[in-house]
Amino acid sequence: MDEKISWKAVDQYATLYANQLTDSFFSKKDKIRGSEILTLSEIKQVNLFIINDLLHVWKEESQKLHSPYFDYQAKPVVESLIQFQNTLSNHILINRVDFLPLLRRATSKTLNLILAPYDFFSEVLDEKGQDIIATTDLRNKVKYIKINRPPLENLVTHLEQKRIESLTGKEAFALLDHILEEVNFTPEDIEPYLESFNKIVPLNLDKFYEHKSQPSTQQKGPEAKSTTSPVNPSAEAKPTLAEDLAKKKITRLKESLTINQKFMFTKILFHGDFEIFTEAIDKIDRFDNLTQAIRYLEQNYPDWDRESEEYEEFVEILQNRFS
């Protein structure tokens, strides 16, 4: 089975949902206040993402306060700006045109968090243009996340306990990886949230996924692969995300997979269940050769799409593990 999220379909639905919700609200009022944003959507996460984006806008605007004449970093000035921010946050007032893109983005992010929490975690820890993650910034982000929150919450708690003020995205991924294994994280049930979305705009979950069709004349399974198939240990591997790993001997899969690879394999191959993924990796690591590993996959995961990029990458990594 090869199912990928169609982000185009998610964004299209988010647009319809945002339009419907704003039409309903602004048919009675010209502008929306902060207190009204917090109760706008039945799905609280949507509302919180809007507030979080507004605070992010304020942070960006405040960072522009630089002057050759005034010291904006002086403690009294910083304290006054914080007080000003708190006051301003209680006086949010937005018209329909400016509010619509905020709601659309918040809806899309919420669907991302619900449908693909691993992807969402990756985006939080690998924000574009951000090489270093400050623990305080991460705490502020997590504060506005209510769905599938435990892994990121535990990560922040760990950083605070260790008094780590900042770290790289790669370091954060590594820590989160250990946390996911410790708590055996399983994403929340999506049905209640989908039902709430469906009340505003009819939702067809199937449209959120891209299903790859299989040629009827092509045989499934590793034996149907050509000589370039990654199932053949001596085959020439085509460039994939596993390319770097292939340059060196892998002794244990569990220690060699990147957090992004773990997220991807869990989502696509193991149906979003990190515990099942971890158990499978532990079993494969105990095998003596590639043949045993491939046989295990065939027997336990017959529904996998042997033509998918994720499967090919996974088997390519197995090649290197047992070479």
Protein backbone atom coordinates (compact mmCIF):
# COMPACT_ATOMS: atom_id res chain seq x y z
CA MET A 1 0.00 0.00 0.00
CA ASP A 2 1.43 3.35 -1.01
CA GLU A 3 -0.45 6.37 0.22
CA LYS A 4 0.96 9.85 0.21
CA ILE A 5 -0.77 12.95 1.39
CA SER A 6 -1.90 15.16 -1.49
CA TRP A 7 -1.07 18.59 -0.11
CA LYS A 8 -2.74 20.18 -3.09
CA ALA A 9 -6.01 18.49 -2.08
CA VAL A 10 -5.48 19.52 1.55
CA ASP A 11 -4.93 23.15 0.55
CA GLN A 12 -7.98 23.08 -1.70
CA TYR A 13 -10.13 21.81 1.15
CA ALA A 14 -8.61 24.36 3.55
CA THR A 15 -9.60 27.11 1.12
CA LEU A 16 -13.21 25.88 0.96
CA TYR A 17 -13.38 25.51 4.74
CA ALA A 18 -11.91 28.97 5.37
CA ASN A 19 -14.24 30.59 2.85
CA GLN A 20 -17.29 28.96 4.38
CA LEU A 21 -16.36 29.86 7.94
CA THR A 22 -15.45 33.47 7.12
CA ASP A 23 -18.62 33.93 5.04
CA SER A 24 -20.68 32.79 7.99
CA PHE A 25 -18.92 35.02 10.54
CA PHE A 26 -18.50 38.17 8.46
CA SER A 27 -22.08 38.10 7.27
CA LYS A 28 -22.90 39.58 10.68
CA LYS A 29 -19.75 41.54 11.54
CA ASP A 30 -17.16 43.64 9.73
CA LYS A 31 -14.18 42.59 11.83
CA ILE A 32 -13.18 39.75 14.14
CA ARG A 33 -11.63 40.14 17.59
CA GLY A 34 -9.16 37.89 19.41
CA SER A 35 -11.76 36.43 21.74
CA GLU A 36 -13.92 35.57 18.74
CA ILE A 37 -11.03 33.88 16.96
CA LEU A 38 -10.61 31.53 19.90
CA THR A 39 -14.16 30.24 19.46
CA LEU A 40 -14.51 30.53 15.68
CA SER A 41 -13.88 26.91 14.72
CA GLU A 42 -15.18 23.89 16.60
CA ILE A 43 -11.68 22.50 16.15
CA LYS A 44 -9.69 24.47 18.72
CA GLN A 45 -6.40 23.71 17.03
CA VAL A 46 -7.42 25.84 14.03
CA ASN A 47 -8.09 28.81 16.30
CA LEU A 48 -4.82 28.39 18.17
CA PHE A 49 -2.76 28.29 14.98
CA ILE A 50 -4.28 31.63 13.98
CA ILE A 51 -3.33 33.21 17.30
CA ASN A 52 0.15 31.73 17.05
CA ASP A 53 0.61 33.19 13.56
CA LEU A 54 -0.47 36.61 14.83
CA LEU A 55 2.10 36.45 17.62
CA HIS A 56 4.70 35.44 15.05
CA VAL A 57 3.81 38.53 13.00
CA TRP A 58 4.26 40.70 16.08
CA LYS A 59 7.65 39.13 16.76
CA GLU A 60 8.81 39.84 13.21
CA GLU A 61 7.61 43.42 13.41
CA SER A 62 9.26 44.02 16.78
CA GLN A 63 12.58 42.70 15.42
CA LYS A 64 12.55 45.56 12.93
CA LEU A 65 12.92 48.04 15.76
CA HIS A 66 16.53 49.09 15.32
CA SER A 67 17.89 52.58 15.53
CA PRO A 68 21.25 54.37 15.70
CA TYR A 69 19.70 56.70 18.25
CA PHE A 70 17.70 54.48 20.61
CA ASP A 71 18.63 51.38 22.58
CA TYR A 72 15.80 48.92 21.98
CA GLN A 73 17.73 46.23 23.86
CA ALA A 74 17.74 48.12 27.15
CA LYS A 75 15.93 46.17 29.84
CA PRO A 76 13.25 48.83 30.55
CA VAL A 77 12.52 49.09 26.81
CA VAL A 78 12.28 45.30 26.39
CA GLU A 79 9.94 45.07 29.38
CA SER A 80 7.79 47.87 27.99
CA LEU A 81 7.60 46.15 24.59
CA ILE A 82 6.49 42.93 26.24
CA GLN A 83 3.79 44.80 28.14
CA PHE A 84 2.78 46.49 24.89
CA GLN A 85 2.56 43.10 23.16
CA ASN A 86 0.33 41.76 25.93
CA THR A 87 -1.92 44.79 25.64
CA LEU A 88 -1.99 44.56 21.86
CA SER A 89 -2.88 40.84 21.97
CA ASN A 90 -6.07 41.80 23.82
CA HIS A 91 -7.02 44.23 21.07
CA ILE A 92 -6.87 42.08 17.92
CA LEU A 93 -9.18 43.42 15.21
CA ILE A 94 -9.03 41.98 11.67
CA ASN A 95 -11.19 42.45 8.59
CA ARG A 96 -12.33 39.62 6.33
CA VAL A 97 -9.74 40.13 3.57
CA ASP A 98 -6.81 39.99 5.98
CA PHE A 99 -8.30 37.22 8.11
CA LEU A 100 -9.09 34.75 5.33
CA PRO A 101 -5.46 33.74 4.53
CA LEU A 102 -4.78 33.29 8.27
CA LEU A 103 -7.71 30.90 8.60
CA ARG A 104 -6.79 29.05 5.42
CA ARG A 105 -3.22 28.51 6.62
CA ALA A 106 -4.36 27.44 10.10
CA THR A 107 -6.78 24.93 8.59
CA SER A 108 -4.09 23.46 6.34
CA LYS A 109 -1.65 23.18 9.25
CA THR A 110 -4.27 21.48 11.40
CA LEU A 111 -4.99 18.91 8.70
CA ASN A 112 -1.25 18.35 8.38
CA LEU A 113 -0.97 17.77 12.13
CA ILE A 114 -3.93 15.37 12.09
CA LEU A 115 -3.13 13.40 8.94
CA ALA A 116 0.67 13.45 9.00
CA PRO A 117 2.03 14.26 12.47
CA TYR A 118 5.51 13.02 11.56
CA ASP A 119 5.69 15.48 8.68
CA PHE A 120 4.42 18.20 10.99
CA PHE A 121 7.12 17.42 13.58
CA SER A 122 9.74 17.62 10.83
CA GLU A 123 8.51 21.04 9.72
CA VAL A 124 8.52 22.39 13.27
CA LEU A 125 12.12 21.28 13.80
CA ASP A 126 13.32 22.16 10.31
CA GLU A 127 11.76 25.54 9.64
CA LYS A 128 13.12 27.19 6.51
CA GLY A 129 15.89 29.66 7.17
CA GLN A 130 16.33 28.48 10.74
CA ASP A 131 19.61 26.65 11.43
CA ILE A 132 19.44 26.94 15.21
CA ILE A 133 16.36 26.25 17.32
CA ALA A 134 15.97 28.19 20.56
CA THR A 135 14.32 26.21 23.33
CA THR A 136 12.17 29.18 24.30
CA ASP A 137 10.92 29.53 20.71
CA LEU A 138 10.13 25.82 20.56
CA ARG A 139 8.25 26.08 23.88
CA ASN A 140 6.18 28.95 22.48
CA LYS A 141 5.29 26.89 19.41
CA VAL A 142 4.36 23.81 21.41
CA LYS A 143 2.14 25.93 23.65
CA TYR A 144 -0.24 26.37 20.73
CA ILE A 145 -0.21 22.70 19.67
CA LYS A 146 -2.93 20.56 21.25
CA ILE A 147 -3.27 17.64 18.80
CA ASN A 148 -0.54 14.94 18.86
CA ARG A 149 1.35 17.13 21.30
CA PRO A 150 3.22 14.67 23.63
CA PRO A 151 6.39 14.09 21.53
CA LEU A 152 7.18 17.78 21.09
CA GLU A 153 6.12 18.54 24.67
CA ASN A 154 8.49 15.86 25.96
CA LEU A 155 11.27 17.22 23.75
CA VAL A 156 10.90 20.71 25.21
CA THR A 157 10.77 19.34 28.76
CA HIS A 158 13.96 17.37 28.12
CA LEU A 159 15.75 20.46 26.80
CA GLU A 160 14.64 22.55 29.75
CA GLN A 161 15.68 19.91 32.26
CA LYS A 162 19.11 19.69 30.63
CA ARG A 163 19.24 23.50 30.47
CA ILE A 164 19.87 23.42 26.74
CA GLU A 165 19.08 26.90 25.44
CA SER A 166 19.49 26.13 21.74
CA LEU A 167 20.40 23.31 19.36
CA THR A 168 20.51 22.48 15.68
CA GLY A 169 17.61 20.94 13.84
CA LYS A 170 19.62 17.73 13.39
CA GLU A 171 20.22 17.50 17.14
CA ALA A 172 16.52 18.12 17.80
CA PHE A 173 15.58 15.34 15.35
CA ALA A 174 17.89 12.92 17.16
CA LEU A 175 16.39 13.74 20.56
CA LEU A 176 12.85 13.48 19.23
CA ASP A 177 13.72 10.11 17.73
CA HIS A 178 14.59 8.73 21.17
CA ILE A 179 11.46 10.27 22.67
CA LEU A 180 9.22 8.65 20.06
CA GLU A 181 10.71 5.28 20.89
CA GLU A 182 10.41 5.80 24.65
CA VAL A 183 6.74 6.80 24.61
CA ASN A 184 5.76 4.47 21.71
CA PHE A 185 3.90 7.39 20.21
CA THR A 186 0.75 6.60 18.22
CA PRO A 187 -1.08 9.47 16.52
CA GLU A 188 -4.52 10.46 17.82
CA ASP A 189 -7.70 9.12 16.28
CA ILE A 190 -8.54 11.41 13.37
CA GLU A 191 -12.26 10.61 13.13
CA PRO A 192 -13.56 13.19 15.68
CA TYR A 193 -11.67 15.97 13.92
CA LEU A 194 -12.80 14.89 10.47
CA GLU A 195 -16.41 14.86 11.69
CA SER A 196 -16.03 18.45 12.90
CA PHE A 197 -14.56 19.57 9.57
CA ASN A 198 -17.37 17.76 7.77
CA LYS A 199 -19.98 19.89 9.54
CA ILE A 200 -18.71 22.98 7.71
CA VAL A 201 -17.59 21.51 4.38
CA PRO A 202 -18.22 17.88 3.31
CA LEU A 203 -14.95 16.01 3.55
CA ASN A 204 -13.84 13.01 1.50
CA LEU A 205 -10.77 11.63 3.22
CA ASP A 206 -9.87 9.50 0.22
CA LYS A 207 -9.18 12.65 -1.80
CA PHE A 208 -6.44 13.63 0.64
CA TYR A 209 -4.31 10.68 -0.46
CA GLU A 210 -2.48 9.92 -3.67
CA HIS A 211 -2.89 6.27 -4.63
CA LYS A 212 -0.44 4.82 -7.09
CA SER A 213 -2.05 2.52 -9.64
CA GLN A 214 -0.24 -0.66 -10.61
CA PRO A 215 0.22 -1.89 -14.20
CA SER A 216 -1.91 -5.03 -14.56
CA THR A 217 0.68 -6.77 -16.72
CA GLN A 218 3.54 -6.36 -14.31
CA GLN A 219 4.23 -9.01 -11.72
CA LYS A 220 4.47 -7.88 -8.11
CA GLY A 221 7.21 -8.74 -5.70
CA PRO A 222 11.02 -8.61 -5.63
CA GLU A 223 11.35 -11.36 -8.27
CA ALA A 224 9.70 -9.09 -10.86
CA LYS A 225 12.37 -6.41 -10.49
CA SER A 226 14.91 -5.75 -13.23
CA THR A 227 18.65 -5.99 -12.69
CA THR A 228 18.61 -2.44 -11.37
CA SER A 229 16.24 -3.37 -8.55
CA PRO A 230 17.50 -2.64 -5.03
CA VAL A 231 16.35 -6.14 -4.04
CA ASN A 232 19.44 -7.52 -5.78
CA PRO A 233 22.35 -6.95 -3.36
CA SER A 234 24.81 -6.60 -6.25
CA ALA A 235 22.64 -4.17 -8.19
CA GLU A 236 23.62 -0.59 -8.85
CA ALA A 237 21.61 1.62 -6.49
CA LYS A 238 19.93 4.65 -7.99
CA PRO A 239 20.27 7.95 -6.06
CA THR A 240 17.84 8.21 -3.16
CA LEU A 241 17.76 9.70 0.31
CA ALA A 242 19.68 6.59 1.40
CA GLU A 243 22.65 7.49 -0.81
CA ASP A 244 24.73 8.84 2.03
CA LEU A 245 24.12 5.76 4.14
CA ALA A 246 25.24 3.55 1.27
CA LYS A 247 28.71 5.05 1.45
CA LYS A 248 29.45 3.29 4.70
CA LYS A 249 28.70 -0.02 6.29
CA ILE A 250 25.52 -0.09 8.35
CA THR A 251 25.75 -2.30 11.40
CA ARG A 252 22.33 -1.57 12.89
CA LEU A 253 19.33 -0.10 11.12
CA LYS A 254 17.95 1.40 14.30
CA GLU A 255 21.02 3.57 14.79
CA SER A 256 21.57 4.43 11.14
CA LEU A 257 18.18 5.68 9.93
CA THR A 258 17.67 9.43 10.07
CA ILE A 259 14.62 10.81 11.83
CA ASN A 260 13.19 11.91 8.48
CA GLN A 261 13.56 8.38 7.11
CA LYS A 262 11.90 6.95 10.20
CA PHE A 263 9.00 9.35 9.83
CA MET A 264 8.67 8.54 6.14
CA PHE A 265 8.84 4.75 6.53
CA THR A 266 6.46 4.83 9.49
CA LYS A 267 3.91 6.90 7.61
CA ILE A 268 4.06 5.18 4.21
CA LEU A 269 5.04 1.59 4.97
CA PHE A 270 3.85 1.02 8.54
CA HIS A 271 0.56 2.94 8.37
CA GLY A 272 1.64 5.59 10.85
CA ASP A 273 2.33 3.20 13.74
CA PHE A 274 5.80 3.97 15.12
CA GLU A 275 5.67 1.06 17.58
CA ILE A 276 5.12 -1.48 14.77
CA PHE A 277 7.93 0.17 12.77
CA THR A 278 10.32 -0.08 15.72
CA GLU A 279 9.48 -3.74 16.34
CA ALA A 280 10.04 -4.57 12.68
CA ILE A 281 13.42 -2.80 12.63
CA ASP A 282 14.51 -4.67 15.77
CA LYS A 283 13.58 -8.01 14.16
CA ILE A 284 15.34 -7.21 10.89
CA ASP A 285 18.49 -6.23 12.77
CA ARG A 286 18.60 -9.76 14.23
CA PHE A 287 18.57 -11.45 10.81
CA ASP A 288 21.77 -12.89 9.32
CA ASN A 289 21.34 -11.88 5.69
CA LEU A 290 19.30 -9.92 3.14
CA THR A 291 17.36 -12.98 2.00
CA GLN A 292 15.91 -13.48 5.49
CA ALA A 293 15.02 -9.79 5.73
CA ILE A 294 13.25 -9.77 2.33
CA ARG A 295 11.37 -12.97 3.19
CA TYR A 296 10.23 -11.37 6.45
CA LEU A 297 8.89 -8.33 4.57
CA GLU A 298 7.08 -10.51 2.02
CA GLN A 299 5.42 -12.60 4.71
CA ASN A 300 4.42 -9.79 7.06
CA TYR A 301 3.79 -6.88 4.69
CA PRO A 302 2.29 -8.31 1.48
CA ASP A 303 0.27 -5.11 0.91
CA TRP A 304 3.36 -2.94 0.42
CA ASP A 305 3.74 -1.35 -2.98
CA ARG A 306 6.95 -2.89 -4.34
CA GLU A 307 7.10 -0.16 -6.98
CA SER A 308 7.06 2.75 -4.51
CA GLU A 309 10.11 4.94 -3.88
CA GLU A 310 9.78 4.34 -0.16
CA TYR A 311 9.95 0.57 -0.57
CA GLU A 312 12.94 0.80 -2.90
CA GLU A 313 14.76 3.09 -0.51
CA PHE A 314 13.99 0.84 2.43
CA VAL A 315 15.33 -2.24 0.63
CA GLU A 316 18.37 -0.29 -0.56
CA ILE A 317 19.18 0.44 3.07
CA LEU A 318 18.73 -3.25 3.87
CA GLN A 319 21.22 -4.07 1.10
CA ASN A 320 23.85 -1.96 2.74
CA ARG A 321 23.01 -3.37 6.16
CA PHE A 322 23.69 -6.96 5.04
CA SER A 323 26.40 -6.35 2.42
